[in-house]
N, C-alpha and C. Protein backbone atom coordinates (compact mmCIF):
# COMPACT_ATOMS: atom_id res chain seq x y z
N UNK A 1 15.92 -10.60 -50.70
CA UNK A 1 16.33 -9.69 -49.63
C UNK A 1 15.13 -8.93 -49.08
N UNK A 2 14.24 -8.48 -49.98
CA UNK A 2 13.08 -7.71 -49.55
C UNK A 2 12.10 -8.57 -48.75
N UNK A 3 11.92 -9.82 -49.16
CA UNK A 3 10.99 -10.69 -48.43
C UNK A 3 11.56 -11.07 -47.06
N UNK A 4 12.87 -11.19 -47.00
CA UNK A 4 13.50 -11.49 -45.71
C UNK A 4 13.36 -10.30 -44.75
N UNK A 5 13.50 -9.08 -45.25
CA UNK A 5 13.31 -7.89 -44.44
C UNK A 5 11.86 -7.76 -43.99
N UNK A 6 10.94 -8.06 -44.90
CA UNK A 6 9.51 -7.99 -44.57
C UNK A 6 9.16 -9.03 -43.50
N UNK A 7 9.72 -10.22 -43.60
CA UNK A 7 9.48 -11.26 -42.60
C UNK A 7 10.06 -10.85 -41.25
N UNK A 8 11.24 -10.26 -41.26
CA UNK A 8 11.88 -9.80 -40.03
C UNK A 8 11.04 -8.69 -39.37
N UNK A 9 10.59 -7.71 -40.16
CA UNK A 9 9.76 -6.64 -39.62
C UNK A 9 8.42 -7.18 -39.13
N UNK A 10 7.86 -8.13 -39.84
CA UNK A 10 6.60 -8.74 -39.41
C UNK A 10 6.77 -9.45 -38.07
N UNK A 11 7.87 -10.16 -37.92
CA UNK A 11 8.14 -10.84 -36.66
C UNK A 11 8.36 -9.84 -35.54
N UNK A 12 9.05 -8.76 -35.85
CA UNK A 12 9.31 -7.73 -34.87
C UNK A 12 8.00 -7.06 -34.42
N UNK A 13 7.12 -6.76 -35.34
CA UNK A 13 5.82 -6.16 -35.01
C UNK A 13 5.00 -7.15 -34.18
N UNK A 14 5.03 -8.43 -34.55
CA UNK A 14 4.29 -9.44 -33.81
C UNK A 14 4.78 -9.53 -32.36
N UNK A 15 6.08 -9.56 -32.17
CA UNK A 15 6.64 -9.65 -30.81
C UNK A 15 6.28 -8.39 -30.02
N UNK A 16 6.36 -7.23 -30.66
CA UNK A 16 6.00 -5.99 -29.98
C UNK A 16 4.53 -6.00 -29.55
N UNK A 17 3.64 -6.38 -30.45
CA UNK A 17 2.21 -6.44 -30.11
C UNK A 17 1.92 -7.48 -29.04
N UNK A 18 2.64 -8.60 -29.08
CA UNK A 18 2.47 -9.63 -28.06
C UNK A 18 2.90 -9.10 -26.69
N UNK A 19 4.03 -8.44 -26.62
CA UNK A 19 4.50 -7.87 -25.35
C UNK A 19 3.55 -6.78 -24.86
N UNK A 20 3.04 -5.97 -25.77
CA UNK A 20 2.08 -4.94 -25.40
C UNK A 20 0.81 -5.55 -24.84
N UNK A 21 0.31 -6.61 -25.47
CA UNK A 21 -0.89 -7.28 -24.98
C UNK A 21 -0.66 -7.90 -23.60
N UNK A 22 0.49 -8.50 -23.39
CA UNK A 22 0.81 -9.09 -22.09
C UNK A 22 0.89 -8.01 -21.02
N UNK A 23 1.54 -6.89 -21.33
CA UNK A 23 1.67 -5.80 -20.37
C UNK A 23 0.30 -5.20 -20.03
N UNK A 24 -0.53 -4.98 -21.05
CA UNK A 24 -1.86 -4.44 -20.79
C UNK A 24 -2.72 -5.42 -19.99
N UNK A 25 -2.63 -6.69 -20.31
CA UNK A 25 -3.39 -7.69 -19.57
C UNK A 25 -2.95 -7.79 -18.12
N UNK A 26 -1.65 -7.77 -17.90
CA UNK A 26 -1.14 -7.82 -16.52
C UNK A 26 -1.54 -6.57 -15.74
N UNK A 27 -1.44 -5.41 -16.37
CA UNK A 27 -1.84 -4.17 -15.70
C UNK A 27 -3.32 -4.18 -15.37
N UNK A 28 -4.14 -4.62 -16.30
CA UNK A 28 -5.58 -4.69 -16.04
C UNK A 28 -5.88 -5.68 -14.91
N UNK A 29 -5.17 -6.81 -14.88
CA UNK A 29 -5.38 -7.79 -13.82
C UNK A 29 -4.99 -7.26 -12.46
N UNK A 30 -3.87 -6.57 -12.38
CA UNK A 30 -3.42 -5.99 -11.11
C UNK A 30 -4.41 -4.92 -10.63
N UNK A 31 -4.84 -4.06 -11.56
CA UNK A 31 -5.81 -3.03 -11.19
C UNK A 31 -7.12 -3.66 -10.72
N UNK A 32 -7.56 -4.70 -11.38
CA UNK A 32 -8.81 -5.36 -10.99
C UNK A 32 -8.69 -5.97 -9.59
N UNK A 33 -7.59 -6.64 -9.31
CA UNK A 33 -7.41 -7.28 -8.01
C UNK A 33 -7.33 -6.25 -6.90
N UNK A 34 -6.51 -5.21 -7.09
CA UNK A 34 -6.34 -4.23 -6.03
C UNK A 34 -7.57 -3.33 -5.88
N UNK A 35 -8.26 -3.05 -6.96
CA UNK A 35 -9.43 -2.19 -6.89
C UNK A 35 -10.57 -2.88 -6.16
N UNK A 36 -10.67 -4.20 -6.25
CA UNK A 36 -11.77 -4.90 -5.59
C UNK A 36 -11.59 -4.92 -4.07
N UNK A 37 -10.36 -4.81 -3.57
CA UNK A 37 -10.11 -4.85 -2.13
C UNK A 37 -10.11 -3.47 -1.48
N UNK A 38 -10.09 -2.42 -2.26
CA UNK A 38 -9.97 -1.09 -1.69
C UNK A 38 -11.33 -0.57 -1.24
N UNK A 39 -11.37 0.09 -0.08
CA UNK A 39 -12.64 0.68 0.36
C UNK A 39 -12.92 1.96 -0.42
N UNK A 40 -14.17 2.39 -0.39
CA UNK A 40 -14.52 3.66 -1.01
C UNK A 40 -13.92 4.80 -0.20
N UNK A 41 -13.57 5.88 -0.86
CA UNK A 41 -12.91 7.00 -0.19
C UNK A 41 -13.81 7.60 0.89
N UNK A 42 -15.10 7.73 0.62
CA UNK A 42 -15.98 8.34 1.62
C UNK A 42 -16.15 7.46 2.85
N UNK A 43 -15.92 6.16 2.74
CA UNK A 43 -16.00 5.30 3.92
C UNK A 43 -14.79 5.49 4.83
N UNK A 44 -13.68 5.98 4.30
CA UNK A 44 -12.49 6.23 5.11
C UNK A 44 -12.68 7.43 6.04
N UNK A 45 -13.57 8.35 5.65
CA UNK A 45 -13.82 9.52 6.50
C UNK A 45 -14.55 9.13 7.78
N UNK A 46 -15.30 8.04 7.74
CA UNK A 46 -16.08 7.60 8.90
C UNK A 46 -15.58 6.23 9.37
N UNK A 47 -14.27 6.12 9.58
CA UNK A 47 -13.63 4.86 9.93
C UNK A 47 -13.75 4.60 11.42
N UNK A 48 -14.27 3.45 11.79
CA UNK A 48 -14.38 3.04 13.19
C UNK A 48 -13.79 1.65 13.33
N UNK A 49 -12.53 1.54 13.76
CA UNK A 49 -11.92 0.21 13.89
C UNK A 49 -12.54 -0.56 15.05
N UNK A 50 -12.45 -1.87 14.94
CA UNK A 50 -12.94 -2.68 16.06
C UNK A 50 -12.01 -2.50 17.25
N UNK A 51 -12.59 -2.37 18.42
CA UNK A 51 -11.81 -2.12 19.63
C UNK A 51 -11.95 -3.29 20.59
N UNK A 52 -11.23 -3.21 21.67
CA UNK A 52 -11.29 -4.23 22.71
C UNK A 52 -12.57 -4.03 23.52
N UNK A 53 -13.28 -5.12 23.77
CA UNK A 53 -14.45 -5.08 24.64
C UNK A 53 -14.02 -5.52 26.03
N UNK A 54 -14.16 -4.61 27.00
CA UNK A 54 -13.81 -4.91 28.39
C UNK A 54 -15.07 -5.27 29.16
N UNK A 55 -14.96 -6.30 30.00
CA UNK A 55 -16.05 -6.70 30.89
C UNK A 55 -15.66 -6.28 32.30
N UNK A 56 -16.56 -5.51 32.93
CA UNK A 56 -16.28 -4.96 34.26
C UNK A 56 -17.11 -5.67 35.33
N UNK A 57 -16.57 -5.74 36.51
CA UNK A 57 -17.29 -6.29 37.66
C UNK A 57 -18.12 -5.17 38.30
N UNK A 58 -18.84 -5.52 39.36
CA UNK A 58 -19.66 -4.52 40.05
C UNK A 58 -18.82 -3.39 40.64
N UNK A 59 -17.59 -3.69 41.02
CA UNK A 59 -16.74 -2.66 41.63
C UNK A 59 -15.81 -2.00 40.60
N UNK A 60 -16.19 -2.03 39.31
CA UNK A 60 -15.49 -1.35 38.21
C UNK A 60 -14.08 -1.89 37.95
N UNK A 61 -13.85 -3.15 38.24
CA UNK A 61 -12.59 -3.80 37.91
C UNK A 61 -12.76 -4.58 36.61
N UNK A 62 -11.77 -4.51 35.74
CA UNK A 62 -11.83 -5.27 34.48
C UNK A 62 -11.62 -6.74 34.80
N UNK A 63 -12.59 -7.57 34.43
CA UNK A 63 -12.45 -9.01 34.71
C UNK A 63 -12.22 -9.80 33.43
N UNK A 64 -12.34 -9.15 32.28
CA UNK A 64 -12.08 -9.85 31.03
C UNK A 64 -12.06 -8.89 29.86
N UNK A 65 -11.36 -9.30 28.81
CA UNK A 65 -11.29 -8.51 27.59
C UNK A 65 -11.49 -9.43 26.40
N UNK A 66 -12.25 -8.96 25.44
CA UNK A 66 -12.51 -9.74 24.24
C UNK A 66 -12.22 -8.88 23.02
N UNK A 67 -11.50 -9.45 22.06
CA UNK A 67 -11.19 -8.70 20.85
C UNK A 67 -10.64 -9.62 19.79
N UNK A 68 -10.96 -9.30 18.54
CA UNK A 68 -10.30 -9.99 17.43
C UNK A 68 -8.92 -9.40 17.21
N UNK A 69 -8.84 -8.10 17.35
CA UNK A 69 -7.57 -7.37 17.23
C UNK A 69 -7.47 -6.44 18.43
N UNK A 70 -6.39 -6.47 19.12
CA UNK A 70 -6.24 -5.64 20.32
C UNK A 70 -5.76 -4.25 19.91
N UNK A 71 -6.71 -3.38 19.68
CA UNK A 71 -6.40 -2.02 19.26
C UNK A 71 -6.81 -1.02 20.32
N UNK A 72 -6.04 0.01 20.42
CA UNK A 72 -6.38 1.14 21.26
C UNK A 72 -6.20 2.37 20.38
N UNK A 73 -7.25 3.12 20.16
CA UNK A 73 -7.20 4.28 19.29
C UNK A 73 -6.56 5.44 20.05
N UNK A 74 -5.55 6.04 19.44
CA UNK A 74 -4.89 7.20 20.01
C UNK A 74 -4.84 8.29 18.95
N UNK A 75 -4.74 9.51 19.40
CA UNK A 75 -4.58 10.61 18.45
C UNK A 75 -3.11 10.72 18.08
N UNK A 76 -2.84 11.49 17.04
CA UNK A 76 -1.46 11.67 16.60
C UNK A 76 -0.61 12.30 17.69
N UNK A 77 -1.18 13.19 18.46
CA UNK A 77 -0.43 13.87 19.52
C UNK A 77 -0.11 12.94 20.69
N UNK A 78 -0.83 11.83 20.83
CA UNK A 78 -0.57 10.89 21.92
C UNK A 78 0.56 9.92 21.60
N UNK A 79 0.99 9.87 20.35
CA UNK A 79 2.10 8.99 19.98
C UNK A 79 3.40 9.65 20.41
N UNK A 80 4.24 8.95 21.17
CA UNK A 80 5.50 9.55 21.63
C UNK A 80 6.40 9.94 20.45
N UNK A 81 7.13 11.01 20.60
CA UNK A 81 8.00 11.51 19.54
C UNK A 81 9.06 10.48 19.15
N UNK A 82 9.53 9.69 20.11
CA UNK A 82 10.55 8.67 19.80
C UNK A 82 9.98 7.61 18.85
N UNK A 83 8.69 7.29 18.97
CA UNK A 83 8.07 6.32 18.06
C UNK A 83 7.94 6.92 16.66
N UNK A 84 7.52 8.18 16.59
CA UNK A 84 7.42 8.86 15.29
C UNK A 84 8.79 8.90 14.61
N UNK A 85 9.81 9.26 15.36
CA UNK A 85 11.17 9.34 14.81
C UNK A 85 11.66 7.96 14.34
N UNK A 86 11.33 6.92 15.09
CA UNK A 86 11.76 5.57 14.71
C UNK A 86 11.11 5.14 13.41
N UNK A 87 9.82 5.40 13.26
CA UNK A 87 9.12 5.01 12.03
C UNK A 87 9.67 5.79 10.85
N UNK A 88 9.88 7.08 11.02
CA UNK A 88 10.40 7.90 9.92
C UNK A 88 11.81 7.48 9.56
N UNK A 89 12.63 7.14 10.54
CA UNK A 89 14.01 6.75 10.23
C UNK A 89 14.06 5.44 9.45
N UNK A 90 13.12 4.56 9.70
CA UNK A 90 13.09 3.29 8.97
C UNK A 90 12.46 3.45 7.60
N UNK A 91 11.37 4.19 7.52
CA UNK A 91 10.61 4.29 6.28
C UNK A 91 11.14 5.33 5.31
N UNK A 92 11.42 6.53 5.78
CA UNK A 92 11.77 7.62 4.87
C UNK A 92 12.57 8.68 5.62
N UNK A 93 13.89 8.60 5.50
CA UNK A 93 14.76 9.54 6.21
C UNK A 93 14.55 10.98 5.72
N UNK A 94 14.11 11.15 4.49
CA UNK A 94 13.93 12.49 3.91
C UNK A 94 12.48 12.97 4.00
N UNK A 95 11.72 12.44 4.93
CA UNK A 95 10.29 12.72 5.03
C UNK A 95 9.98 14.21 5.11
N UNK A 96 10.76 14.94 5.87
CA UNK A 96 10.49 16.35 6.07
C UNK A 96 11.12 17.25 5.01
N UNK A 97 11.88 16.69 4.07
CA UNK A 97 12.55 17.53 3.08
C UNK A 97 11.95 17.44 1.69
N UNK A 98 11.11 16.46 1.39
CA UNK A 98 10.51 16.39 0.05
C UNK A 98 9.03 16.77 0.11
N UNK A 99 8.40 16.90 -1.05
CA UNK A 99 7.04 17.40 -1.16
C UNK A 99 5.97 16.32 -1.07
N UNK A 100 6.33 15.10 -0.78
CA UNK A 100 5.35 14.03 -0.64
C UNK A 100 5.80 12.74 -1.29
N UNK A 101 6.61 12.85 -2.33
CA UNK A 101 7.17 11.68 -3.00
C UNK A 101 8.67 11.87 -3.09
N UNK A 102 9.40 10.93 -2.56
CA UNK A 102 10.86 11.00 -2.58
C UNK A 102 11.36 10.36 -3.88
N UNK A 103 11.60 11.19 -4.90
CA UNK A 103 11.99 10.68 -6.22
C UNK A 103 13.35 9.98 -6.19
N UNK A 104 14.24 10.40 -5.32
CA UNK A 104 15.53 9.73 -5.20
C UNK A 104 15.43 8.46 -4.37
N UNK A 105 14.47 8.41 -3.47
CA UNK A 105 14.33 7.25 -2.61
C UNK A 105 13.64 6.06 -3.26
N UNK A 106 12.84 6.30 -4.29
CA UNK A 106 12.12 5.21 -4.95
C UNK A 106 13.09 4.22 -5.59
N UNK A 107 14.05 4.66 -6.39
CA UNK A 107 14.98 3.66 -6.95
C UNK A 107 15.85 3.00 -5.87
N UNK A 108 16.16 3.75 -4.81
CA UNK A 108 16.97 3.19 -3.74
C UNK A 108 16.21 2.06 -3.04
N UNK A 109 14.91 2.22 -2.81
CA UNK A 109 14.10 1.20 -2.16
C UNK A 109 13.98 -0.04 -3.04
N UNK A 110 13.88 0.14 -4.34
CA UNK A 110 13.73 -0.99 -5.25
C UNK A 110 15.01 -1.79 -5.40
N UNK A 111 16.16 -1.17 -5.13
CA UNK A 111 17.43 -1.89 -5.20
C UNK A 111 17.60 -2.86 -4.05
N UNK A 112 17.07 -2.50 -2.89
CA UNK A 112 17.27 -3.32 -1.70
C UNK A 112 16.51 -4.54 -1.80
């Protein structure tokens, strides 16, 4: 009886350590992958996205545009309120009522 209990506990410890090793390895792998793609924080302070290059004629008419991504930089105040409301309604209805993290919304998002 004692050797059977010892074997059972040994198997249980082995399975626990195996699961712990898998979890730690997966976490380290995810952190490594995501950390390698992230920019440095100080580079975000001096962010300059690529913009559209316009080619003008002699009379100041646009005759061509070149861009990898067609971006136009706008300030937050230039975004129409209806666009802000639409994004907030889709992403986080409680945006203005919580302190930055919606603790009730996290499980709700994971269920969907």
